[in-house]
Every structure is written in structure tokens, then in C-alpha cells.
Amino acid sequence: MANNTGFHTLLPYVEKIREVMVVENPVDINHIFEEEGIRLLKELGWYGSIVVQYSDNFDKKIFEEVKEYGEREGLKIYTGVKIRAQSPRELVRYVKKFRNKVEVILVEGGDLKINRQALELHDVDILSTPELNRRDSGLDHVLARLGSTHRVAIELNFKQLLIKKNPYDRARLLWAFRRNMRLAKKFDTPVVLSSGAESIYDIKSPYDLRSFLNTLTEDPVYSKTIMEFPYKIAEYRAYLRRENVVRYGVEIVEE
């Protein structure tokens, strides 16, 4: 009879490795609106997609079409809007305008005043590209702490890395990614990684993005946490939008 003692000894380690490697319900953040792209996302292994429109070109009908595609292909669709604001006051106004229209609100960063205002608002979910058009990473200890307090995630946008033609610019962006992750990890600030895809040619699989994260973090457990956070954000906001939910944990129950 075969001796399975060795296998049973290794089993706890195998289960631990599986826990580290398997990402539960991976959700991408992108600008994919076509049925072909939705189908490809599903085929590549994504559970869902946060489909993002820009605030200055918002069209509710587009979301309705994408949700129909998602239902046909078996891909969970969440709606998002990325706000481009010229001032903190304008940002606050846009957040109020869109908060009840979509699940996820992103803010395009870069300007330090915009970065700070976004991280101070509970109704903002993600600060996107805080390093945009900057020579630094767009974050410091104070801003990272604000993101932790208000649970605003810092986005690492893979598309931004791909569009950099100059090797020096790519190296600087990678440096900004690493620095922002170190700050986020230190202060327990959420981090998300998005493909930022705008066409089917930009779409990446969750395994590709996970591998990229592993090279940045050198910590597969932390990479897994980052990969799973978009789903947590989207589900939390979808829950709050239910008609019977007053606020988190408080629901109206009919007898």
C-alpha cells in the first residue's frame, strides 16, 4: 500500500500556498465598453469589471449597454466615473453630483491640492494617478495617512506605464509606484492596481497584473490584498446603493 505520510505532511503548506496564490473575485478597472472587450475580460479570468467614464463625458446609456453585455457574458459589471477637476471646490461639487449615479468614484490626481482633497473625502473611493505630470510620487506621509483614515485607495495605473516611451519616464513611474506602495503599506492605506485599458489591445489578465505586482512588492500576500481590493470597494458601494440600506449595517426590513 502506498505511503501517503509525506503528502499529508506537506498538505498544510500546499493549502497555505493556494491561499496566497488564488485571488478571490478579481475585478479590473478600465474603460472597456464594447461587447468584444467584455467577452475577452471574462475569457482571461476576470470576475468583474469597474467600467469607468470621465466626468466631462458622462452618459448613463453607455452603462446600461455595458451591463447588458456583462449579463450575456457572465461578467459582473460595476459603474465608475473618473473626475477631472481644476480646483478642490470643483472636485467636491462633482463628487456630490455623481455619488448616487455610480458605484465607484475615482479622482484623477496630479495636483497636490486635488490629491489632498480627494483623500479627505469619504465619498471618494480611489485617487487615480497621484503622480500624474509630477516629478515626485504625489504622496507623502500626511497624504497617505489621510487615505488610510478616509479609506480612499491609491491607484497604480498599468496603462500609464505602457504609454511611456522614454525609458527614463518609465523608470521614474515605477519608482513612484514603489514609493506610494511603501507609504500605503506603512499607514494601512488601500491600494488598487488597474489595467486602465481603453481597447481590447490594452486588456491584461489578472495573472499578468498579479505577476507585475509581485515584482514591485516582493510580497505575494500584499500583492493578493491589492488585487482583491477593487472587488471590496465595488461591492461595498453597490451595497450602500440598495433601496433598503440607510447606511452601512442599517437596513429597512419589511415584516
Protein backbone atom coordinates (compact mmCIF):
# COMPACT_ATOMS: atom_id res chain seq x y z
CA MET A 1 0.00 0.00 0.00
CA ALA A 2 1.32 3.43 -0.92
CA ASN A 3 2.63 5.60 1.91
CA ASN A 4 0.85 8.97 1.92
CA THR A 5 2.55 10.25 5.07
CA GLY A 6 4.73 12.65 3.12
CA PHE A 7 1.78 14.08 1.22
CA HIS A 8 -0.24 14.67 4.39
CA THR A 9 2.78 16.37 5.96
CA LEU A 10 3.00 18.76 3.02
CA LEU A 11 -0.75 19.36 2.75
CA PRO A 12 -0.88 22.35 5.17
CA TYR A 13 1.89 24.03 3.16
CA VAL A 14 0.10 23.35 -0.12
CA GLU A 15 -3.09 24.92 1.28
CA LYS A 16 -1.11 27.93 2.50
CA ILE A 17 0.42 28.42 -0.93
CA ARG A 18 -3.03 28.17 -2.50
CA GLU A 19 -4.36 30.86 -0.14
CA VAL A 20 -1.53 33.15 -1.16
CA MET A 21 -1.78 32.48 -4.90
CA VAL A 22 -5.53 32.46 -5.56
CA VAL A 23 -7.15 35.89 -5.90
CA GLU A 24 -10.82 35.84 -4.93
CA ASN A 25 -13.14 37.64 -7.37
CA PRO A 26 -10.58 39.71 -9.31
CA VAL A 27 -12.10 42.92 -10.67
CA ASP A 28 -10.37 45.15 -13.22
CA ILE A 29 -10.71 48.92 -13.54
CA ASN A 30 -10.85 50.05 -17.15
CA HIS A 31 -12.61 51.96 -19.93
CA ILE A 32 -13.89 48.94 -21.89
CA PHE A 33 -17.43 49.47 -23.21
CA GLU A 34 -17.63 47.12 -26.22
CA GLU A 35 -19.08 43.61 -26.10
CA GLU A 36 -15.92 42.11 -27.58
CA GLY A 37 -13.87 43.59 -24.76
CA ILE A 38 -16.30 42.37 -22.11
CA ARG A 39 -16.08 38.87 -23.57
CA LEU A 40 -12.28 38.99 -23.53
CA LEU A 41 -12.19 40.11 -19.90
CA LYS A 42 -14.29 37.09 -18.96
CA GLU A 43 -12.16 34.71 -21.02
CA LEU A 44 -8.97 35.96 -19.37
CA GLY A 45 -10.28 35.13 -15.92
CA TRP A 46 -11.75 38.35 -14.52
CA TYR A 47 -14.75 38.06 -12.20
CA GLY A 48 -15.89 41.61 -12.86
CA SER A 49 -15.09 44.99 -14.34
CA ILE A 50 -15.39 48.52 -12.97
CA VAL A 51 -16.21 50.35 -16.19
CA VAL A 52 -15.15 53.98 -15.91
CA GLN A 53 -16.36 57.04 -17.79
CA TYR A 54 -14.86 60.52 -17.41
CA SER A 55 -16.93 63.12 -15.61
CA ASP A 56 -16.86 65.54 -18.55
CA ASN A 57 -18.26 62.92 -20.95
CA PHE A 58 -20.74 61.00 -18.80
CA ASP A 59 -23.55 59.04 -20.48
CA LYS A 60 -25.83 56.77 -18.43
CA LYS A 61 -26.95 54.86 -21.54
CA ILE A 62 -23.42 53.57 -22.07
CA PHE A 63 -23.50 51.88 -18.67
CA GLU A 64 -26.85 50.28 -19.46
CA GLU A 65 -25.41 48.76 -22.64
CA VAL A 66 -22.26 47.51 -20.89
CA LYS A 67 -24.35 45.87 -18.15
CA GLU A 68 -26.32 44.01 -20.82
CA TYR A 69 -23.06 42.75 -22.33
CA GLY A 70 -21.89 41.71 -18.87
CA GLU A 71 -25.04 39.73 -18.21
CA ARG A 72 -24.67 37.87 -21.51
CA GLU A 73 -21.01 37.05 -20.94
CA GLY A 74 -21.25 36.28 -17.22
CA LEU A 75 -19.06 39.22 -16.16
CA LYS A 76 -20.09 41.34 -13.18
CA ILE A 77 -20.24 44.99 -14.21
CA TYR A 78 -19.77 47.88 -11.79
CA THR A 79 -20.05 51.51 -12.86
CA GLY A 80 -17.48 54.18 -12.17
CA VAL A 81 -16.70 57.77 -13.01
CA LYS A 82 -13.30 59.44 -13.03
CA ILE A 83 -13.47 63.09 -12.05
CA ARG A 84 -11.17 65.67 -13.58
CA ALA A 85 -11.32 68.84 -11.53
CA GLN A 86 -9.40 72.10 -11.71
CA SER A 87 -9.84 73.01 -8.05
CA PRO A 88 -10.79 71.38 -4.73
CA ARG A 89 -14.12 73.23 -4.77
CA GLU A 90 -14.95 71.90 -8.23
CA LEU A 91 -13.95 68.41 -7.08
CA VAL A 92 -16.34 68.49 -4.13
CA ARG A 93 -19.14 69.64 -6.43
CA TYR A 94 -18.51 66.79 -8.89
CA VAL A 95 -18.36 64.19 -6.12
CA LYS A 96 -21.76 65.30 -4.85
CA LYS A 97 -23.14 65.21 -8.40
CA PHE A 98 -22.01 61.65 -9.18
CA ARG A 99 -22.05 59.89 -5.80
CA ASN A 100 -25.54 58.42 -6.28
CA LYS A 101 -25.13 57.74 -10.01
CA VAL A 102 -22.30 55.17 -9.94
CA GLU A 103 -20.76 52.60 -7.66
CA VAL A 104 -17.16 53.81 -7.75
CA ILE A 105 -15.82 57.36 -7.81
CA LEU A 106 -12.24 57.93 -8.93
CA VAL A 107 -10.40 61.25 -8.94
CA GLU A 108 -7.63 61.98 -11.43
CA GLY A 109 -4.73 63.23 -9.35
CA GLY A 110 -1.50 65.05 -10.04
CA ASP A 111 -2.17 68.44 -8.49
CA LEU A 112 -1.30 68.28 -4.78
CA LYS A 113 -4.41 70.24 -3.80
CA ILE A 114 -6.58 67.79 -5.73
CA ASN A 115 -4.71 64.82 -4.25
CA ARG A 116 -5.28 66.09 -0.72
CA GLN A 117 -8.94 66.97 -1.23
CA ALA A 118 -9.67 63.58 -2.77
CA LEU A 119 -8.05 61.78 0.17
CA GLU A 120 -10.11 63.82 2.64
CA LEU A 121 -13.49 62.82 1.17
CA HIS A 122 -15.27 59.69 2.39
CA ASP A 123 -17.34 59.69 -0.81
CA VAL A 124 -14.24 59.25 -2.98
CA ASP A 125 -13.16 55.65 -3.48
CA ILE A 126 -9.91 55.89 -5.45
CA LEU A 127 -7.26 58.54 -6.03
CA SER A 128 -6.05 57.74 -9.54
CA THR A 129 -2.53 58.59 -10.78
CA PRO A 130 -1.44 60.87 -7.90
CA GLU A 131 1.94 61.13 -9.63
CA LEU A 132 0.49 62.40 -12.95
CA ASN A 133 2.70 65.06 -14.59
CA ARG A 134 4.81 65.33 -11.44
CA ARG A 135 8.50 64.81 -10.68
CA ASP A 136 7.62 63.24 -7.33
CA SER A 137 5.16 60.47 -6.46
CA GLY A 138 2.32 62.83 -5.48
CA LEU A 139 2.09 61.41 -1.95
CA ASP A 140 3.80 61.98 1.37
CA HIS A 141 3.27 60.66 4.90
CA VAL A 142 0.48 63.14 5.62
CA LEU A 143 -1.50 62.28 2.49
CA ALA A 144 -1.00 58.55 2.96
CA ARG A 145 -2.38 58.85 6.49
CA LEU A 146 -5.41 60.75 5.15
CA GLY A 147 -6.07 57.96 2.67
CA SER A 148 -5.98 55.45 5.49
CA THR A 149 -8.33 57.49 7.69
CA HIS A 150 -10.94 58.02 4.96
CA ARG A 151 -10.33 54.64 3.23
CA VAL A 152 -9.52 56.18 -0.14
CA ALA A 153 -7.44 53.80 -2.24
CA ILE A 154 -4.33 54.79 -4.20
CA GLU A 155 -4.38 53.55 -7.79
CA LEU A 156 -1.45 52.14 -9.71
CA ASN A 157 -2.43 52.55 -13.35
CA PHE A 158 -0.70 49.98 -15.59
CA LYS A 159 -1.78 51.81 -18.76
CA GLN A 160 0.23 54.87 -17.70
CA LEU A 161 3.33 52.70 -17.62
CA LEU A 162 2.68 51.29 -21.10
CA ILE A 163 2.27 54.69 -22.76
CA LYS A 164 5.64 55.92 -21.52
CA LYS A 165 8.02 55.80 -24.48
CA ASN A 166 11.09 57.15 -22.72
CA PRO A 167 12.86 54.55 -20.54
CA TYR A 168 13.68 57.27 -18.02
CA ASP A 169 9.98 58.17 -17.70
CA ARG A 170 9.09 54.52 -17.17
CA ALA A 171 11.76 54.13 -14.51
CA ARG A 172 10.51 57.24 -12.73
CA LEU A 173 6.92 55.98 -12.78
CA LEU A 174 8.00 52.61 -11.38
CA TRP A 175 9.81 54.48 -8.63
CA ALA A 176 6.61 56.44 -7.88
CA PHE A 177 4.60 53.19 -7.74
CA ARG A 178 7.04 51.63 -5.28
CA ARG A 179 7.23 54.71 -3.10
CA ASN A 180 3.45 55.09 -2.91
CA MET A 181 3.04 51.41 -2.06
CA ARG A 182 5.60 51.69 0.74
CA LEU A 183 3.75 54.68 2.19
CA ALA A 184 0.40 52.93 1.78
CA LYS A 185 1.63 49.77 3.46
CA LYS A 186 3.12 51.74 6.35
CA PHE A 187 -0.13 53.59 7.08
CA ASP A 188 -2.57 50.82 6.03
CA THR A 189 -3.85 52.84 3.09
CA PRO A 190 -5.74 50.81 0.45
CA VAL A 191 -4.06 50.27 -2.92
CA VAL A 192 -5.58 49.07 -6.21
CA LEU A 193 -3.97 48.10 -9.50
CA SER A 194 -5.89 48.84 -12.69
CA SER A 195 -5.18 47.89 -16.27
CA GLY A 196 -6.61 51.26 -17.34
CA ALA A 197 -7.43 49.53 -20.63
CA GLU A 198 -9.12 51.63 -23.31
CA SER A 199 -9.28 48.97 -26.04
CA ILE A 200 -9.10 45.19 -26.34
CA TYR A 201 -5.37 45.52 -27.08
CA ASP A 202 -4.77 47.02 -23.63
CA ILE A 203 -6.60 44.29 -21.70
CA LYS A 204 -4.44 42.18 -19.40
CA SER A 205 -5.27 39.04 -17.48
CA PRO A 206 -5.41 39.11 -13.66
CA TYR A 207 -2.41 36.74 -13.69
CA ASP A 208 -0.34 39.22 -15.69
CA LEU A 209 -1.17 42.08 -13.34
CA ARG A 210 -0.52 39.89 -10.31
CA SER A 211 2.92 38.98 -11.68
CA PHE A 212 3.68 42.66 -12.25
CA LEU A 213 2.65 43.43 -8.67
CA ASN A 214 4.86 40.67 -7.31
CA THR A 215 7.90 42.26 -8.94
CA LEU A 216 7.04 45.59 -7.29
CA THR A 217 6.08 44.40 -3.83
CA GLU A 218 8.25 41.27 -3.49
CA ASP A 219 5.44 40.20 -1.17
CA PRO A 220 2.84 37.84 -2.70
CA VAL A 221 0.49 38.24 0.26
CA TYR A 222 0.43 42.03 -0.12
CA SER A 223 0.01 41.64 -3.89
CA LYS A 224 -3.03 39.44 -3.28
CA THR A 225 -4.52 42.08 -0.97
CA ILE A 226 -4.09 44.74 -3.65
CA MET A 227 -5.64 42.54 -6.33
CA GLU A 228 -8.71 41.83 -4.21
CA PHE A 229 -9.44 45.39 -3.11
CA PRO A 230 -11.33 46.62 -6.23
CA TYR A 231 -13.98 43.96 -5.59
CA LYS A 232 -14.31 45.06 -1.96
CA ILE A 233 -14.74 48.71 -2.96
CA ALA A 234 -17.30 47.94 -5.67
CA GLU A 235 -19.35 45.56 -3.50
CA TYR A 236 -19.36 47.99 -0.58
CA ARG A 237 -20.69 50.81 -2.75
CA ALA A 238 -23.19 48.53 -4.50
CA TYR A 239 -24.48 47.52 -1.06
CA LEU A 240 -24.92 51.14 0.01
CA ARG A 241 -26.94 51.86 -3.14
CA ARG A 242 -29.62 49.31 -2.27
CA GLU A 243 -33.00 50.92 -1.63
CA ASN A 244 -33.43 49.32 1.80
CA VAL A 245 -29.98 50.38 3.09
CA VAL A 246 -29.93 53.55 5.18
CA ARG A 247 -26.20 53.36 5.85
CA TYR A 248 -23.67 50.59 6.34
CA GLY A 249 -25.15 48.00 8.70
CA VAL A 250 -28.57 49.70 8.91
CA GLU A 251 -31.27 48.22 6.67
CA ILE A 252 -35.04 48.60 6.42
CA VAL A 253 -36.59 45.16 6.77
CA GLU A 254 -40.23 44.57 5.84
CA GLU A 255 -42.15 42.10 8.03
